[in-house]
Amino acid sequence: MSVSRTIVSICIQCWLGIGFLISCMAMLTLIGHEPSPFIVDGVSSIIQSREFQYGPLTLSLEKNGELGLAHFVVRKLGHFFVYSFIALVLLQLFKGDSSVFRTLIVIIVVAIFAVTDEFIQAFLPERTALITDVIVDLAGCLHSVILYKIRHYSTLKALA
C-alpha cells in the first residue's frame, strides 16, 4: 500500500471513529445545545407548513415545532453528506481497481457502516434505529458515486 493510500485509509478510520462517537452521544438538544441557529432558521423557513412521513414518524412544523423539525432536517442532511464524503474517500482509496468492482465495494462498505451505525443506535437511550436512515446514508453514497462517475467520464471525454 502506497503512502497516499495509507493516509486515505487512516482518514477513513478517523472519520468513521468520530462518526460512531457522535452517533453514540445523545442528541445535542438533550444536553442543552442546538445546531447553528442560522441553519435551523434557514431550514424552518423552507418547510413552513408541510407534513411528511419518515419511517414511523409523522413530522410537521405544527406537530414538532420549528426547532424540532429543523433539527430533524439538519440531522438527515448530516447523514446524507457524511456518507457521501465516506463514499468519495473510499473511491479514492480503491482508485487502482476496476470501475465496476470499485463501485460495488464502496457501496457494500458504506452499507455495512450505515447498518452498523443504526444497530448501535438501537441500544442507546433516546436514539432510534431506522431503516430509513440507512436509505438516506445509501442515497448519500450513490450521490457521490454518480458525481464521481460523471467527473471521470467527462475527464476521459475531454482527453479524447
C-alpha atoms as a PDB file:
ATOM      1  CA  MET A   1       0.000   0.000   0.000  1.00  0.00           C
ATOM      2  CA  SER A   2       1.400   3.357  -1.005  1.00  0.00           C
ATOM      3  CA  VAL A   3       1.812   6.256   1.407  1.00  0.00           C
ATOM      4  CA  SER A   4      -1.160   8.145  -0.080  1.00  0.00           C
ATOM      5  CA  ARG A   5      -3.423   5.083   0.226  1.00  0.00           C
ATOM      6  CA  THR A   6      -2.281   4.662   3.828  1.00  0.00           C
ATOM      7  CA  ILE A   7      -3.115   8.282   4.591  1.00  0.00           C
ATOM      8  CA  VAL A   8      -6.556   7.923   2.960  1.00  0.00           C
ATOM      9  CA  SER A   9      -7.152   4.733   4.932  1.00  0.00           C
ATOM     10  CA  ILE A  10      -6.217   6.450   8.201  1.00  0.00           C
ATOM     11  CA  CYS A  11      -8.507   9.382   7.330  1.00  0.00           C
ATOM     12  CA  ILE A  12     -11.416   6.974   6.726  1.00  0.00           C
ATOM     13  CA  GLN A  13     -10.790   5.267  10.065  1.00  0.00           C
ATOM     14  CA  CYS A  14     -10.648   8.605  11.909  1.00  0.00           C
ATOM     15  CA  TRP A  15     -13.771   9.905  10.144  1.00  0.00           C
ATOM     16  CA  LEU A  16     -15.701   6.730  10.992  1.00  0.00           C
ATOM     17  CA  GLY A  17     -14.455   6.757  14.568  1.00  0.00           C
ATOM     18  CA  ILE A  18     -15.629  10.334  15.036  1.00  0.00           C
ATOM     19  CA  GLY A  19     -18.943   9.479  13.357  1.00  0.00           C
ATOM     20  CA  PHE A  20     -19.586   6.498  15.614  1.00  0.00           C
ATOM     21  CA  LEU A  21     -18.608   8.537  18.679  1.00  0.00           C
ATOM     22  CA  ILE A  22     -21.057  11.284  17.749  1.00  0.00           C
ATOM     23  CA  SER A  23     -23.694   8.670  16.952  1.00  0.00           C
ATOM     24  CA  CYS A  24     -23.317   7.190  20.416  1.00  0.00           C
ATOM     25  CA  MET A  25     -23.830  10.561  22.081  1.00  0.00           C
ATOM     26  CA  ALA A  26     -27.362  11.679  22.898  1.00  0.00           C
ATOM     27  CA  MET A  27     -28.865  14.281  20.606  1.00  0.00           C
ATOM     28  CA  LEU A  28     -27.323  17.690  21.197  1.00  0.00           C
ATOM     29  CA  THR A  29     -30.703  19.114  22.107  1.00  0.00           C
ATOM     30  CA  LEU A  30     -30.931  16.758  25.078  1.00  0.00           C
ATOM     31  CA  ILE A  31     -27.852  18.295  26.653  1.00  0.00           C
ATOM     32  CA  GLY A  32     -28.883  21.870  26.035  1.00  0.00           C
ATOM     33  CA  HIS A  33     -27.110  22.580  22.753  1.00  0.00           C
ATOM     34  CA  GLU A  34     -28.597  23.124  19.354  1.00  0.00           C
ATOM     35  CA  PRO A  35     -27.260  23.307  15.812  1.00  0.00           C
ATOM     36  CA  SER A  36     -26.326  26.641  14.387  1.00  0.00           C
ATOM     37  CA  PRO A  37     -29.333  28.988  14.627  1.00  0.00           C
ATOM     38  CA  PHE A  38     -28.576  30.155  11.074  1.00  0.00           C
ATOM     39  CA  ILE A  39     -29.038  26.607   9.729  1.00  0.00           C
ATOM     40  CA  VAL A  40     -32.130  25.967  11.845  1.00  0.00           C
ATOM     41  CA  ASP A  41     -33.758  29.253  10.744  1.00  0.00           C
ATOM     42  CA  GLY A  42     -32.981  28.555   7.087  1.00  0.00           C
ATOM     43  CA  VAL A  43     -34.376  25.037   7.171  1.00  0.00           C
ATOM     44  CA  SER A  44     -37.510  26.060   9.072  1.00  0.00           C
ATOM     45  CA  SER A  45     -38.270  28.790   6.516  1.00  0.00           C
ATOM     46  CA  ILE A  46     -38.195  26.194   3.715  1.00  0.00           C
ATOM     47  CA  ILE A  47     -40.516  23.678   5.385  1.00  0.00           C
ATOM     48  CA  GLN A  48     -43.200  26.094   6.628  1.00  0.00           C
ATOM     49  CA  SER A  49     -46.419  24.041   6.757  1.00  0.00           C
ATOM     50  CA  ARG A  50     -45.505  20.698   5.246  1.00  0.00           C
ATOM     51  CA  GLU A  51     -46.214  17.298   6.850  1.00  0.00           C
ATOM     52  CA  PHE A  52     -44.463  14.079   5.863  1.00  0.00           C
ATOM     53  CA  GLN A  53     -43.799  10.512   6.975  1.00  0.00           C
ATOM     54  CA  TYR A  54     -40.330   9.328   7.874  1.00  0.00           C
ATOM     55  CA  GLY A  55     -40.469   5.678   8.856  1.00  0.00           C
ATOM     56  CA  PRO A  56     -42.837   5.502  11.837  1.00  0.00           C
ATOM     57  CA  LEU A  57     -42.645   9.269  12.432  1.00  0.00           C
ATOM     58  CA  THR A  58     -45.091  11.888  11.193  1.00  0.00           C
ATOM     59  CA  LEU A  59     -43.284  15.197  11.017  1.00  0.00           C
ATOM     60  CA  SER A  60     -44.685  18.670  10.616  1.00  0.00           C
ATOM     61  CA  LEU A  61     -43.975  22.171  11.748  1.00  0.00           C
ATOM     62  CA  GLU A  62     -47.259  22.174  13.630  1.00  0.00           C
ATOM     63  CA  LYS A  63     -46.570  18.897  15.481  1.00  0.00           C
ATOM     64  CA  ASN A  64     -42.829  19.184  16.132  1.00  0.00           C
ATOM     65  CA  GLY A  65     -42.387  22.917  16.246  1.00  0.00           C
ATOM     66  CA  GLU A  66     -39.987  24.948  14.183  1.00  0.00           C
ATOM     67  CA  LEU A  67     -36.894  23.930  16.107  1.00  0.00           C
ATOM     68  CA  GLY A  68     -37.790  20.222  16.293  1.00  0.00           C
ATOM     69  CA  LEU A  69     -38.471  19.898  12.589  1.00  0.00           C
ATOM     70  CA  ALA A  70     -35.420  21.942  11.618  1.00  0.00           C
ATOM     71  CA  HIS A  71     -33.225  19.738  13.838  1.00  0.00           C
ATOM     72  CA  PHE A  72     -34.644  16.664  12.127  1.00  0.00           C
ATOM     73  CA  VAL A  73     -33.862  18.030   8.648  1.00  0.00           C
ATOM     74  CA  VAL A  74     -30.353  19.107   9.685  1.00  0.00           C
ATOM     75  CA  ARG A  75     -29.630  15.635  11.140  1.00  0.00           C
ATOM     76  CA  LYS A  76     -30.831  13.884   7.963  1.00  0.00           C
ATOM     77  CA  LEU A  77     -28.768  16.206   5.767  1.00  0.00           C
ATOM     78  CA  GLY A  78     -25.854  15.335   8.041  1.00  0.00           C
ATOM     79  CA  HIS A  79     -26.463  11.622   7.395  1.00  0.00           C
ATOM     80  CA  PHE A  80     -26.572  12.238   3.656  1.00  0.00           C
ATOM     81  CA  PHE A  81     -23.390  14.292   3.408  1.00  0.00           C
ATOM     82  CA  VAL A  82     -21.332  12.283   5.932  1.00  0.00           C
ATOM     83  CA  TYR A  83     -21.915   9.093   3.988  1.00  0.00           C
ATOM     84  CA  SER A  84     -21.430  10.945   0.704  1.00  0.00           C
ATOM     85  CA  PHE A  85     -17.999  12.027   1.960  1.00  0.00           C
ATOM     86  CA  ILE A  86     -17.168   8.482   3.111  1.00  0.00           C
ATOM     87  CA  ALA A  87     -18.014   7.179  -0.369  1.00  0.00           C
ATOM     88  CA  LEU A  88     -15.760   9.761  -2.036  1.00  0.00           C
ATOM     89  CA  VAL A  89     -12.865   8.871   0.229  1.00  0.00           C
ATOM     90  CA  LEU A  90     -13.395   5.146  -0.402  1.00  0.00           C
ATOM     91  CA  LEU A  91     -13.497   5.756  -4.166  1.00  0.00           C
ATOM     92  CA  GLN A  92     -10.089   7.416  -3.846  1.00  0.00           C
ATOM     93  CA  LEU A  93      -8.794   4.538  -1.700  1.00  0.00           C
ATOM     94  CA  PHE A  94      -9.721   1.915  -4.302  1.00  0.00           C
ATOM     95  CA  LYS A  95      -8.613   4.077  -7.243  1.00  0.00           C
ATOM     96  CA  GLY A  96      -6.493   1.420  -8.952  1.00  0.00           C
ATOM     97  CA  ASP A  97      -9.228  -1.229  -9.056  1.00  0.00           C
ATOM     98  CA  SER A  98     -11.655  -1.787 -11.935  1.00  0.00           C
ATOM     99  CA  SER A  99     -14.536   0.652 -12.100  1.00  0.00           C
ATOM    100  CA  VAL A 100     -17.416  -1.808 -11.510  1.00  0.00           C
ATOM    101  CA  PHE A 101     -15.583  -3.687  -8.751  1.00  0.00           C
ATOM    102  CA  ARG A 102     -14.600  -0.441  -7.024  1.00  0.00           C
ATOM    103  CA  THR A 103     -18.160   0.879  -7.157  1.00  0.00           C
ATOM    104  CA  LEU A 104     -19.602  -2.330  -5.707  1.00  0.00           C
ATOM    105  CA  ILE A 105     -17.020  -2.438  -2.919  1.00  0.00           C
ATOM    106  CA  VAL A 106     -17.669   1.192  -2.000  1.00  0.00           C
ATOM    107  CA  ILE A 107     -21.459   0.690  -1.880  1.00  0.00           C
ATOM    108  CA  ILE A 108     -21.105  -2.501   0.183  1.00  0.00           C
ATOM    109  CA  VAL A 109     -18.663  -0.921   2.655  1.00  0.00           C
ATOM    110  CA  VAL A 110     -20.852   2.168   3.073  1.00  0.00           C
ATOM    111  CA  ALA A 111     -23.923  -0.056   3.568  1.00  0.00           C
ATOM    112  CA  ILE A 112     -22.074  -2.008   6.284  1.00  0.00           C
ATOM    113  CA  PHE A 113     -21.114   1.250   8.028  1.00  0.00           C
ATOM    114  CA  ALA A 114     -24.693   2.558   7.811  1.00  0.00           C
ATOM    115  CA  VAL A 115     -26.255  -0.649   9.154  1.00  0.00           C
ATOM    116  CA  THR A 116     -23.660  -0.830  11.944  1.00  0.00           C
ATOM    117  CA  ASP A 117     -24.387   2.779  12.909  1.00  0.00           C
ATOM    118  CA  GLU A 118     -28.130   2.102  13.131  1.00  0.00           C
ATOM    119  CA  PHE A 119     -27.520  -1.163  15.017  1.00  0.00           C
ATOM    120  CA  ILE A 120     -25.503   0.713  17.652  1.00  0.00           C
ATOM    121  CA  GLN A 121     -28.257   3.327  17.942  1.00  0.00           C
ATOM    122  CA  ALA A 122     -30.803   0.595  18.696  1.00  0.00           C
ATOM    123  CA  PHE A 123     -29.111   0.041  22.068  1.00  0.00           C
ATOM    124  CA  LEU A 124     -28.752   3.692  23.069  1.00  0.00           C
ATOM    125  CA  PRO A 125     -31.327   5.544  25.130  1.00  0.00           C
ATOM    126  CA  GLU A 126     -33.024   8.437  23.322  1.00  0.00           C
ATOM    127  CA  ARG A 127     -31.885   7.063  19.933  1.00  0.00           C
ATOM    128  CA  THR A 128     -33.780   5.013  17.373  1.00  0.00           C
ATOM    129  CA  ALA A 129     -32.569   2.685  14.677  1.00  0.00           C
ATOM    130  CA  LEU A 130     -34.438   3.326  11.435  1.00  0.00           C
ATOM    131  CA  ILE A 131     -34.061   1.606   8.088  1.00  0.00           C
ATOM    132  CA  THR A 132     -34.944   4.955   6.525  1.00  0.00           C
ATOM    133  CA  ASP A 133     -31.690   6.371   7.945  1.00  0.00           C
ATOM    134  CA  VAL A 134     -29.782   3.596   6.159  1.00  0.00           C
ATOM    135  CA  ILE A 135     -31.606   4.577   2.955  1.00  0.00           C
ATOM    136  CA  VAL A 136     -30.600   8.233   3.444  1.00  0.00           C
ATOM    137  CA  ASP A 137     -26.999   7.090   4.037  1.00  0.00           C
ATOM    138  CA  LEU A 138     -27.005   4.976   0.873  1.00  0.00           C
ATOM    139  CA  ALA A 139     -28.517   7.879  -1.080  1.00  0.00           C
ATOM    140  CA  GLY A 140     -25.531   9.970   0.033  1.00  0.00           C
ATOM    141  CA  CYS A 141     -23.213   7.207  -1.126  1.00  0.00           C
ATOM    142  CA  LEU A 142     -24.907   6.933  -4.525  1.00  0.00           C
ATOM    143  CA  HIS A 143     -24.798  10.725  -4.854  1.00  0.00           C
ATOM    144  CA  SER A 144     -21.007  10.634  -4.602  1.00  0.00           C
ATOM    145  CA  VAL A 145     -20.632   7.588  -6.830  1.00  0.00           C
ATOM    146  CA  ILE A 146     -22.713   9.216  -9.568  1.00  0.00           C
ATOM    147  CA  LEU A 147     -20.862  12.537  -9.334  1.00  0.00           C
ATOM    148  CA  TYR A 148     -17.523  10.687  -9.327  1.00  0.00           C
ATOM    149  CA  LYS A 149     -18.523   8.703 -12.444  1.00  0.00           C
ATOM    150  CA  ILE A 150     -19.722  11.849 -14.251  1.00  0.00           C
ATOM    151  CA  ARG A 151     -16.436  13.585 -13.476  1.00  0.00           C
ATOM    152  CA  HIS A 152     -14.432  10.517 -14.536  1.00  0.00           C
ATOM    153  CA  TYR A 153     -16.233  10.138 -17.880  1.00  0.00           C
ATOM    154  CA  SER A 154     -16.147  13.873 -18.631  1.00  0.00           C
ATOM    155  CA  THR A 155     -12.393  13.849 -17.973  1.00  0.00           C
ATOM    156  CA  LEU A 156     -11.950  10.882 -20.331  1.00  0.00           C
ATOM    157  CA  LYS A 157     -14.056  12.623 -22.980  1.00  0.00           C
ATOM    158  CA  ALA A 158     -12.004  15.804 -22.679  1.00  0.00           C
ATOM    159  CA  LEU A 159      -8.787  13.829 -23.151  1.00  0.00           C
ATOM    160  CA  ALA A 160     -10.087  12.089 -26.278  1.00  0.00           C
END
